[in-house]
Amino acid sequence: MKKADKIINQIKLYQLNNKAVTESYSNLDLANRIVLQLYQIRQKYGYSQQELADKIGTTQSVIARMELKKSIPALTFLNKVAKALEMDLKIELVPKIN
């Protein structure tokens, strides 16, 4: 194994044991699931990005950035989406299952 490969493996091991890094990945997973759900809802209702943006009161580029996972939607934004689609926004905390 090359010296550079050993160093990279040591960095990976350190990062996998770093609580802040693992929490960040966990947060990204949640954001990705939310974005995927928003995309699926948009597709289900047959809205283009522009049509959904118009309903929410934002721009098409905001929807595109969100769907490309370049931005994480805030709760206020999700609430606007829910209202525009005549849906309820449900967020809950549940115990972890180990």
PDB file of N, CA and C in Angstrom:
ATOM      1  N   MET A   1       0.849  -1.173   0.000  1.00  0.00           N
ATOM      2  CA  MET A   1       0.000   0.000   0.000  1.00  0.00           C
ATOM      3  C   MET A   1       0.899   1.241   0.000  1.00  0.00           C
ATOM      4  N   LYS A   2       0.531   2.198  -0.839  1.00  0.00           N
ATOM      5  CA  LYS A   2       1.295   3.436  -0.920  1.00  0.00           C
ATOM      6  C   LYS A   2       1.106   4.259   0.342  1.00  0.00           C
ATOM      7  N   LYS A   3       2.088   5.104   0.601  1.00  0.00           N
ATOM      8  CA  LYS A   3       2.032   5.950   1.783  1.00  0.00           C
ATOM      9  C   LYS A   3       0.797   6.859   1.730  1.00  0.00           C
ATOM     10  N   ALA A   4       0.490   7.390   0.556  1.00  0.00           N
ATOM     11  CA  ALA A   4      -0.672   8.278   0.410  1.00  0.00           C
ATOM     12  C   ALA A   4      -1.965   7.521   0.725  1.00  0.00           C
ATOM     13  N   ASP A   5      -2.065   6.269   0.291  1.00  0.00           N
ATOM     14  CA  ASP A   5      -3.253   5.454   0.569  1.00  0.00           C
ATOM     15  C   ASP A   5      -3.415   5.213   2.065  1.00  0.00           C
ATOM     16  N   LYS A   6      -2.297   4.981   2.748  1.00  0.00           N
ATOM     17  CA  LYS A   6      -2.349   4.781   4.198  1.00  0.00           C
ATOM     18  C   LYS A   6      -2.863   6.034   4.897  1.00  0.00           C
ATOM     19  N   ILE A   7      -2.374   7.179   4.449  1.00  0.00           N
ATOM     20  CA  ILE A   7      -2.802   8.445   5.056  1.00  0.00           C
ATOM     21  C   ILE A   7      -4.293   8.671   4.809  1.00  0.00           C
ATOM     22  N   ILE A   8      -4.745   8.409   3.595  1.00  0.00           N
ATOM     23  CA  ILE A   8      -6.166   8.566   3.272  1.00  0.00           C
ATOM     24  C   ILE A   8      -7.021   7.646   4.128  1.00  0.00           C
ATOM     25  N   ASN A   9      -6.578   6.411   4.308  1.00  0.00           N
ATOM     26  CA  ASN A   9      -7.325   5.462   5.145  1.00  0.00           C
ATOM     27  C   ASN A   9      -7.368   5.914   6.604  1.00  0.00           C
ATOM     28  N   GLN A  10      -6.283   6.494   7.089  1.00  0.00           N
ATOM     29  CA  GLN A  10      -6.257   7.012   8.458  1.00  0.00           C
ATOM     30  C   GLN A  10      -7.234   8.178   8.611  1.00  0.00           C
ATOM     31  N   ILE A  11      -7.278   9.042   7.595  1.00  0.00           N
ATOM     32  CA  ILE A  11      -8.211  10.174   7.627  1.00  0.00           C
ATOM     33  C   ILE A  11      -9.654   9.668   7.622  1.00  0.00           C
ATOM     34  N   LYS A  12      -9.951   8.699   6.763  1.00  0.00           N
ATOM     35  CA  LYS A  12     -11.304   8.127   6.707  1.00  0.00           C
ATOM     36  C   LYS A  12     -11.697   7.531   8.056  1.00  0.00           C
ATOM     37  N   LEU A  13     -10.788   6.786   8.654  1.00  0.00           N
ATOM     38  CA  LEU A  13     -11.071   6.171   9.944  1.00  0.00           C
ATOM     39  C   LEU A  13     -11.329   7.235  11.001  1.00  0.00           C
ATOM     40  N   TYR A  14     -10.524   8.276  11.002  1.00  0.00           N
ATOM     41  CA  TYR A  14     -10.717   9.373  11.948  1.00  0.00           C
ATOM     42  C   TYR A  14     -12.089  10.007  11.728  1.00  0.00           C
ATOM     43  N   GLN A  15     -12.446  10.283  10.469  1.00  0.00           N
ATOM     44  CA  GLN A  15     -13.720  10.932  10.171  1.00  0.00           C
ATOM     45  C   GLN A  15     -14.904  10.049  10.562  1.00  0.00           C
ATOM     46  N   LEU A  16     -14.795   8.748  10.354  1.00  0.00           N
ATOM     47  CA  LEU A  16     -15.890   7.838  10.713  1.00  0.00           C
ATOM     48  C   LEU A  16     -16.101   7.785  12.221  1.00  0.00           C
ATOM     49  N   ASN A  17     -15.061   8.082  12.982  1.00  0.00           N
ATOM     50  CA  ASN A  17     -15.174   8.092  14.435  1.00  0.00           C
ATOM     51  C   ASN A  17     -15.398   9.489  15.002  1.00  0.00           C
ATOM     52  N   ASN A  18     -15.528  10.472  14.128  1.00  0.00           N
ATOM     53  CA  ASN A  18     -15.740  11.855  14.539  1.00  0.00           C
ATOM     54  C   ASN A  18     -17.248  12.109  14.623  1.00  0.00           C
ATOM     55  N   LYS A  19     -17.739  12.373  15.828  1.00  0.00           N
ATOM     56  CA  LYS A  19     -19.172  12.539  16.059  1.00  0.00           C
ATOM     57  C   LYS A  19     -19.767  13.668  15.219  1.00  0.00           C
ATOM     58  N   ALA A  20     -19.074  14.763  15.093  1.00  0.00           N
ATOM     59  CA  ALA A  20     -19.574  15.904  14.311  1.00  0.00           C
ATOM     60  C   ALA A  20     -19.758  15.520  12.847  1.00  0.00           C
ATOM     61  N   VAL A  21     -18.834  14.741  12.318  1.00  0.00           N
ATOM     62  CA  VAL A  21     -18.926  14.313  10.915  1.00  0.00           C
ATOM     63  C   VAL A  21     -20.100  13.361  10.726  1.00  0.00           C
ATOM     64  N   THR A  22     -20.245  12.388  11.625  1.00  0.00           N
ATOM     65  CA  THR A  22     -21.344  11.432  11.473  1.00  0.00           C
ATOM     66  C   THR A  22     -22.698  12.121  11.649  1.00  0.00           C
ATOM     67  N   GLU A  23     -22.780  13.122  12.535  1.00  0.00           N
ATOM     68  CA  GLU A  23     -24.031  13.864  12.687  1.00  0.00           C
ATOM     69  C   GLU A  23     -24.339  14.672  11.436  1.00  0.00           C
ATOM     70  N   SER A  24     -23.321  15.231  10.819  1.00  0.00           N
ATOM     71  CA  SER A  24     -23.521  15.989   9.578  1.00  0.00           C
ATOM     72  C   SER A  24     -24.062  15.085   8.483  1.00  0.00           C
ATOM     73  N   TYR A  25     -23.503  13.885   8.375  1.00  0.00           N
ATOM     74  CA  TYR A  25     -24.008  12.936   7.379  1.00  0.00           C
ATOM     75  C   TYR A  25     -25.450  12.553   7.683  1.00  0.00           C
ATOM     76  N   SER A  26     -25.767  12.386   8.933  1.00  0.00           N
ATOM     77  CA  SER A  26     -27.130  12.055   9.332  1.00  0.00           C
ATOM     78  C   SER A  26     -28.084  13.181   8.944  1.00  0.00           C
ATOM     79  N   ASN A  27     -27.680  14.419   9.183  1.00  0.00           N
ATOM     80  CA  ASN A  27     -28.500  15.567   8.808  1.00  0.00           C
ATOM     81  C   ASN A  27     -28.684  15.643   7.296  1.00  0.00           C
ATOM     82  N   LEU A  28     -27.638  15.354   6.542  1.00  0.00           N
ATOM     83  CA  LEU A  28     -27.757  15.350   5.093  1.00  0.00           C
ATOM     84  C   LEU A  28     -28.729  14.283   4.627  1.00  0.00           C
ATOM     85  N   ASP A  29     -28.722  13.145   5.281  1.00  0.00           N
ATOM     86  CA  ASP A  29     -29.648  12.073   4.921  1.00  0.00           C
ATOM     87  C   ASP A  29     -31.087  12.546   5.090  1.00  0.00           C
ATOM     88  N   LEU A  30     -31.369  13.210   6.183  1.00  0.00           N
ATOM     89  CA  LEU A  30     -32.713  13.729   6.421  1.00  0.00           C
ATOM     90  C   LEU A  30     -33.080  14.754   5.353  1.00  0.00           C
ATOM     91  N   ALA A  31     -32.175  15.672   5.067  1.00  0.00           N
ATOM     92  CA  ALA A  31     -32.437  16.688   4.042  1.00  0.00           C
ATOM     93  C   ALA A  31     -32.676  16.040   2.687  1.00  0.00           C
ATOM     94  N   ASN A  32     -31.884  15.022   2.354  1.00  0.00           N
ATOM     95  CA  ASN A  32     -32.060  14.330   1.079  1.00  0.00           C
ATOM     96  C   ASN A  32     -33.424  13.651   0.992  1.00  0.00           C
ATOM     97  N   ARG A  33     -33.880  13.073   2.095  1.00  0.00           N
ATOM     98  CA  ARG A  33     -35.199  12.428   2.095  1.00  0.00           C
ATOM     99  C   ARG A  33     -36.309  13.450   1.906  1.00  0.00           C
ATOM    100  N   ILE A  34     -36.171  14.609   2.539  1.00  0.00           N
ATOM    101  CA  ILE A  34     -37.174  15.660   2.396  1.00  0.00           C
ATOM    102  C   ILE A  34     -37.212  16.164   0.957  1.00  0.00           C
ATOM    103  N   VAL A  35     -36.044  16.425   0.383  1.00  0.00           N
ATOM    104  CA  VAL A  35     -35.967  16.912  -0.991  1.00  0.00           C
ATOM    105  C   VAL A  35     -36.554  15.879  -1.953  1.00  0.00           C
ATOM    106  N   LEU A  36     -36.244  14.615  -1.735  1.00  0.00           N
ATOM    107  CA  LEU A  36     -36.797  13.561  -2.585  1.00  0.00           C
ATOM    108  C   LEU A  36     -38.321  13.532  -2.490  1.00  0.00           C
ATOM    109  N   GLN A  37     -38.845  13.664  -1.291  1.00  0.00           N
ATOM    110  CA  GLN A  37     -40.290  13.663  -1.117  1.00  0.00           C
ATOM    111  C   GLN A  37     -40.918  14.861  -1.831  1.00  0.00           C
ATOM    112  N   LEU A  38     -40.319  16.028  -1.717  1.00  0.00           N
ATOM    113  CA  LEU A  38     -40.840  17.208  -2.412  1.00  0.00           C
ATOM    114  C   LEU A  38     -40.827  17.001  -3.920  1.00  0.00           C
ATOM    115  N   TYR A  39     -39.761  16.420  -4.434  1.00  0.00           N
ATOM    116  CA  TYR A  39     -39.667  16.130  -5.866  1.00  0.00           C
ATOM    117  C   TYR A  39     -40.775  15.157  -6.287  1.00  0.00           C
ATOM    118  N   GLN A  40     -40.962  14.104  -5.499  1.00  0.00           N
ATOM    119  CA  GLN A  40     -41.986  13.099  -5.832  1.00  0.00           C
ATOM    120  C   GLN A  40     -43.388  13.709  -5.809  1.00  0.00           C
ATOM    121  N   ILE A  41     -43.642  14.582  -4.847  1.00  0.00           N
ATOM    122  CA  ILE A  41     -44.950  15.241  -4.773  1.00  0.00           C
ATOM    123  C   ILE A  41     -45.145  16.136  -5.997  1.00  0.00           C
ATOM    124  N   ARG A  42     -44.108  16.888  -6.356  1.00  0.00           N
ATOM    125  CA  ARG A  42     -44.203  17.754  -7.534  1.00  0.00           C
ATOM    126  C   ARG A  42     -44.520  16.940  -8.776  1.00  0.00           C
ATOM    127  N   GLN A  43     -43.845  15.798  -8.926  1.00  0.00           N
ATOM    128  CA  GLN A  43     -44.089  14.925 -10.074  1.00  0.00           C
ATOM    129  C   GLN A  43     -45.500  14.343 -10.036  1.00  0.00           C
ATOM    130  N   LYS A  44     -45.931  13.908  -8.877  1.00  0.00           N
ATOM    131  CA  LYS A  44     -47.258  13.295  -8.716  1.00  0.00           C
ATOM    132  C   LYS A  44     -48.362  14.255  -9.145  1.00  0.00           C
ATOM    133  N   TYR A  45     -48.220  15.513  -8.756  1.00  0.00           N
ATOM    134  CA  TYR A  45     -49.238  16.505  -9.095  1.00  0.00           C
ATOM    135  C   TYR A  45     -49.031  17.097 -10.490  1.00  0.00           C
ATOM    136  N   GLY A  46     -47.952  16.725 -11.138  1.00  0.00           N
ATOM    137  CA  GLY A  46     -47.703  17.166 -12.511  1.00  0.00           C
ATOM    138  C   GLY A  46     -47.263  18.619 -12.631  1.00  0.00           C
ATOM    139  N   TYR A  47     -46.694  19.165 -11.565  1.00  0.00           N
ATOM    140  CA  TYR A  47     -46.228  20.548 -11.608  1.00  0.00           C
ATOM    141  C   TYR A  47     -44.821  20.617 -12.183  1.00  0.00           C
ATOM    142  N   SER A  48     -44.597  21.627 -13.018  1.00  0.00           N
ATOM    143  CA  SER A  48     -43.220  21.926 -13.412  1.00  0.00           C
ATOM    144  C   SER A  48     -42.581  22.666 -12.240  1.00  0.00           C
ATOM    145  N   GLN A  49     -41.276  22.835 -12.298  1.00  0.00           N
ATOM    146  CA  GLN A  49     -40.609  23.610 -11.246  1.00  0.00           C
ATOM    147  C   GLN A  49     -41.174  25.027 -11.198  1.00  0.00           C
ATOM    148  N   GLN A  50     -41.435  25.600 -12.361  1.00  0.00           N
ATOM    149  CA  GLN A  50     -41.967  26.964 -12.418  1.00  0.00           C
ATOM    150  C   GLN A  50     -43.363  27.035 -11.813  1.00  0.00           C
ATOM    151  N   GLU A  51     -44.201  26.057 -12.118  1.00  0.00           N
ATOM    152  CA  GLU A  51     -45.560  26.051 -11.579  1.00  0.00           C
ATOM    153  C   GLU A  51     -45.557  25.935 -10.058  1.00  0.00           C
ATOM    154  N   LEU A  52     -44.707  25.056  -9.532  1.00  0.00           N
ATOM    155  CA  LEU A  52     -44.617  24.922  -8.081  1.00  0.00           C
ATOM    156  C   LEU A  52     -44.073  26.209  -7.464  1.00  0.00           C
ATOM    157  N   ALA A  53     -43.066  26.775  -8.090  1.00  0.00           N
ATOM    158  CA  ALA A  53     -42.493  28.028  -7.585  1.00  0.00           C
ATOM    159  C   ALA A  53     -43.557  29.126  -7.545  1.00  0.00           C
ATOM    160  N   ASP A  54     -44.387  29.209  -8.579  1.00  0.00           N
ATOM    161  CA  ASP A  54     -45.447  30.215  -8.616  1.00  0.00           C
ATOM    162  C   ASP A  54     -46.442  30.007  -7.479  1.00  0.00           C
ATOM    163  N   LYS A  55     -46.790  28.743  -7.211  1.00  0.00           N
ATOM    164  CA  LYS A  55     -47.733  28.441  -6.132  1.00  0.00           C
ATOM    165  C   LYS A  55     -47.165  28.824  -4.763  1.00  0.00           C
ATOM    166  N   ILE A  56     -45.846  28.638  -4.605  1.00  0.00           N
ATOM    167  CA  ILE A  56     -45.200  28.911  -3.319  1.00  0.00           C
ATOM    168  C   ILE A  56     -44.885  30.393  -3.164  1.00  0.00           C
ATOM    169  N   GLY A  57     -44.673  31.071  -4.291  1.00  0.00           N
ATOM    170  CA  GLY A  57     -44.272  32.472  -4.234  1.00  0.00           C
ATOM    171  C   GLY A  57     -42.767  32.629  -4.234  1.00  0.00           C
ATOM    172  N   THR A  58     -42.098  31.765  -4.988  1.00  0.00           N
ATOM    173  CA  THR A  58     -40.644  31.823  -5.088  1.00  0.00           C
ATOM    174  C   THR A  58     -40.269  31.726  -6.565  1.00  0.00           C
ATOM    175  N   THR A  59     -39.017  31.481  -6.851  1.00  0.00           N
ATOM    176  CA  THR A  59     -38.573  31.379  -8.238  1.00  0.00           C
ATOM    177  C   THR A  59     -38.270  29.930  -8.603  1.00  0.00           C
ATOM    178  N   GLN A  60     -38.260  29.675  -9.876  1.00  0.00           N
ATOM    179  CA  GLN A  60     -37.956  28.336 -10.374  1.00  0.00           C
ATOM    180  C   GLN A  60     -36.550  27.918  -9.964  1.00  0.00           C
ATOM    181  N   SER A  61     -35.628  28.874  -9.933  1.00  0.00           N
ATOM    182  CA  SER A  61     -34.244  28.529  -9.583  1.00  0.00           C
ATOM    183  C   SER A  61     -34.123  28.046  -8.141  1.00  0.00           C
ATOM    184  N   VAL A  62     -34.986  28.534  -7.250  1.00  0.00           N
ATOM    185  CA  VAL A  62     -34.978  28.054  -5.856  1.00  0.00           C
ATOM    186  C   VAL A  62     -35.370  26.579  -5.832  1.00  0.00           C
ATOM    187  N   ILE A  63     -36.394  26.223  -6.596  1.00  0.00           N
ATOM    188  CA  ILE A  63     -36.841  24.823  -6.666  1.00  0.00           C
ATOM    189  C   ILE A  63     -35.740  23.963  -7.275  1.00  0.00           C
ATOM    190  N   ALA A  64     -35.124  24.448  -8.345  1.00  0.00           N
ATOM    191  CA  ALA A  64     -34.058  23.686  -9.008  1.00  0.00           C
ATOM    192  C   ALA A  64     -32.876  23.454  -8.071  1.00  0.00           C
ATOM    193  N   ARG A  65     -32.441  24.494  -7.355  1.00  0.00           N
ATOM    194  CA  ARG A  65     -31.307  24.340  -6.418  1.00  0.00           C
ATOM    195  C   ARG A  65     -31.633  23.325  -5.335  1.00  0.00           C
ATOM    196  N   MET A  66     -32.878  23.371  -4.854  1.00  0.00           N
ATOM    197  CA  MET A  66     -33.286  22.431  -3.821  1.00  0.00           C
ATOM    198  C   MET A  66     -33.259  21.004  -4.374  1.00  0.00           C
ATOM    199  N   GLU A  67     -33.824  20.807  -5.564  1.00  0.00           N
ATOM    200  CA  GLU A  67     -33.865  19.462  -6.137  1.00  0.00           C
ATOM    201  C   GLU A  67     -32.493  18.941  -6.504  1.00  0.00           C
ATOM    202  N   LEU A  68     -31.572  19.834  -6.795  1.00  0.00           N
ATOM    203  CA  LEU A  68     -30.192  19.431  -7.074  1.00  0.00           C
ATOM    204  C   LEU A  68     -29.376  19.277  -5.795  1.00  0.00           C
ATOM    205  N   LYS A  69     -30.057  19.464  -4.658  1.00  0.00           N
ATOM    206  CA  LYS A  69     -29.447  19.324  -3.335  1.00  0.00           C
ATOM    207  C   LYS A  69     -28.323  20.331  -3.120  1.00  0.00           C
ATOM    208  N   LYS A  70     -28.490  21.503  -3.711  1.00  0.00           N
ATOM    209  CA  LYS A  70     -27.527  22.582  -3.506  1.00  0.00           C
ATOM    210  C   LYS A  70     -27.974  23.492  -2.379  1.00  0.00           C
ATOM    211  N   SER A  71     -29.205  23.299  -1.929  1.00  0.00           N
ATOM    212  CA  SER A  71     -29.690  24.048  -0.767  1.00  0.00           C
ATOM    213  C   SER A  71     -30.635  23.148   0.017  1.00  0.00           C
ATOM    214  N   ILE A  72     -30.654  23.342   1.309  1.00  0.00           N
ATOM    215  CA  ILE A  72     -31.515  22.555   2.193  1.00  0.00           C
ATOM    216  C   ILE A  72     -32.706  23.432   2.565  1.00  0.00           C
ATOM    217  N   PRO A  73     -33.925  22.936   2.315  1.00  0.00           N
ATOM    218  CA  PRO A  73     -35.098  23.766   2.605  1.00  0.00           C
ATOM    219  C   PRO A  73     -35.278  24.020   4.101  1.00  0.00           C
ATOM    220  N   ALA A  74     -35.600  25.267   4.422  1.00  0.00           N
ATOM    221  CA  ALA A  74     -35.874  25.653   5.811  1.00  0.00           C
ATOM    222  C   ALA A  74     -37.311  25.266   6.161  1.00  0.00           C
ATOM    223  N   LEU A  75     -37.598  25.215   7.449  1.00  0.00           N
ATOM    224  CA  LEU A  75     -38.960  24.877   7.891  1.00  0.00           C
ATOM    225  C   LEU A  75     -39.985  25.873   7.361  1.00  0.00           C
ATOM    226  N   THR A  76     -39.629  27.140   7.309  1.00  0.00           N
ATOM    227  CA  THR A  76     -40.575  28.134   6.784  1.00  0.00           C
ATOM    228  C   THR A  76     -40.894  27.863   5.320  1.00  0.00           C
ATOM    229  N   PHE A  77     -39.886  27.442   4.560  1.00  0.00           N
ATOM    230  CA  PHE A  77     -40.096  27.101   3.155  1.00  0.00           C
ATOM    231  C   PHE A  77     -40.988  25.867   3.039  1.00  0.00           C
ATOM    232  N   LEU A  78     -40.704  24.848   3.847  1.00  0.00           N
ATOM    233  CA  LEU A  78     -41.517  23.624   3.812  1.00  0.00           C
ATOM    234  C   LEU A  78     -42.965  23.926   4.179  1.00  0.00           C
ATOM    235  N   ASN A  79     -43.161  24.839   5.103  1.00  0.00           N
ATOM    236  CA  ASN A  79     -44.508  25.232   5.491  1.00  0.00           C
ATOM    237  C   ASN A  79     -45.224  25.910   4.326  1.00  0.00           C
ATOM    238  N   LYS A  80     -44.527  26.751   3.574  1.00  0.00           N
ATOM    239  CA  LYS A  80     -45.101  27.393   2.392  1.00  0.00           C
ATOM    240  C   LYS A  80     -45.495  26.346   1.348  1.00  0.00           C
ATOM    241  N   VAL A  81     -44.629  25.358   1.162  1.00  0.00           N
ATOM    242  CA  VAL A  81     -44.919  24.288   0.207  1.00  0.00           C
ATOM    243  C   VAL A  81     -46.175  23.534   0.634  1.00  0.00           C
ATOM    244  N   ALA A  82     -46.248  23.191   1.906  1.00  0.00           N
ATOM    245  CA  ALA A  82     -47.407  22.449   2.416  1.00  0.00           C
ATOM    246  C   ALA A  82     -48.693  23.243   2.195  1.00  0.00           C
ATOM    247  N   LYS A  83     -48.664  24.514   2.511  1.00  0.00           N
ATOM    248  CA  LYS A  83     -49.862  25.346   2.327  1.00  0.00           C
ATOM    249  C   LYS A  83     -50.235  25.445   0.853  1.00  0.00           C
ATOM    250  N   ALA A  84     -49.245  25.649  -0.007  1.00  0.00           N
ATOM    251  CA  ALA A  84     -49.504  25.783  -1.441  1.00  0.00           C
ATOM    252  C   ALA A  84     -50.102  24.510  -2.030  1.00  0.00           C
ATOM    253  N   LEU A  85     -49.708  23.364  -1.487  1.00  0.00           N
ATOM    254  CA  LEU A  85     -50.205  22.077  -1.989  1.00  0.00           C
ATOM    255  C   LEU A  85     -51.389  21.557  -1.177  1.00  0.00           C
ATOM    256  N   GLU A  86     -51.872  22.411  -0.258  1.00  0.00           N
ATOM    257  CA  GLU A  86     -52.989  22.052   0.617  1.00  0.00           C
ATOM    258  C   GLU A  86     -52.705  20.753   1.371  1.00  0.00           C
ATOM    259  N   MET A  87     -51.524  20.727   1.971  1.00  0.00           N
ATOM    260  CA  MET A  87     -51.075  19.583   2.764  1.00  0.00           C
ATOM    261  C   MET A  87     -50.710  20.070   4.155  1.00  0.00           C
ATOM    262  N   ASP A  88     -50.611  19.148   5.074  1.00  0.00           N
ATOM    263  CA  ASP A  88     -50.099  19.442   6.408  1.00  0.00           C
ATOM    264  C   ASP A  88     -48.625  19.091   6.462  1.00  0.00           C
ATOM    265  N   LEU A  89     -47.863  19.909   7.151  1.00  0.00           N
ATOM    266  CA  LEU A  89     -46.457  19.619   7.396  1.00  0.00           C
ATOM    267  C   LEU A  89     -46.368  18.939   8.742  1.00  0.00           C
ATOM    268  N   LYS A  90     -45.806  17.744   8.753  1.00  0.00           N
ATOM    269  CA  LYS A  90     -45.704  16.980   9.989  1.00  0.00           C
ATOM    270  C   LYS A  90     -44.228  16.704  10.273  1.00  0.00           C
ATOM    271  N   ILE A  91     -43.779  17.184  11.410  1.00  0.00           N
ATOM    272  CA  ILE A  91     -42.401  16.938  11.846  1.00  0.00           C
ATOM    273  C   ILE A  91     -42.499  16.364  13.249  1.00  0.00           C
ATOM    274  N   GLU A  92     -41.809  15.281  13.478  1.00  0.00           N
ATOM    275  CA  GLU A  92     -41.890  14.681  14.805  1.00  0.00           C
ATOM    276  C   GLU A  92     -40.545  14.149  15.249  1.00  0.00           C
ATOM    277  N   LEU A  93     -40.361  14.139  16.532  1.00  0.00           N
ATOM    278  CA  LEU A  93     -39.180  13.535  17.139  1.00  0.00           C
ATOM    279  C   LEU A  93     -39.594  12.168  17.678  1.00  0.00           C
ATOM    280  N   VAL A  94     -38.824  11.172  17.336  1.00  0.00           N
ATOM    281  CA  VAL A  94     -39.130   9.824  17.799  1.00  0.00           C
ATOM    282  C   VAL A  94     -37.874   9.207  18.406  1.00  0.00           C
ATOM    283  N   PRO A  95     -38.053   8.301  19.364  1.00  0.00           N
ATOM    284  CA  PRO A  95     -36.878   7.661  19.972  1.00  0.00           C
ATOM    285  C   PRO A  95     -36.099   6.859  18.923  1.00  0.00           C
ATOM    286  N   LYS A  96     -34.794   6.846  19.075  1.00  0.00           N
ATOM    287  CA  LYS A  96     -33.951   6.047  18.198  1.00  0.00           C
ATOM    288  C   LYS A  96     -34.152   4.583  18.508  1.00  0.00           C
ATOM    289  N   ILE A  97     -34.091   3.785  17.482  1.00  0.00           N
ATOM    290  CA  ILE A  97     -34.140   2.334  17.658  1.00  0.00           C
ATOM    291  C   ILE A  97     -32.716   1.831  17.434  1.00  0.00           C
ATOM    292  N   ASN A  98     -32.119   1.287  18.480  1.00  0.00           N
ATOM    293  CA  ASN A  98     -30.724   0.817  18.378  1.00  0.00           C
ATOM    294  C   ASN A  98     -30.655  -0.625  17.972  1.00  0.00           C
TER     295      ASN A  98
END
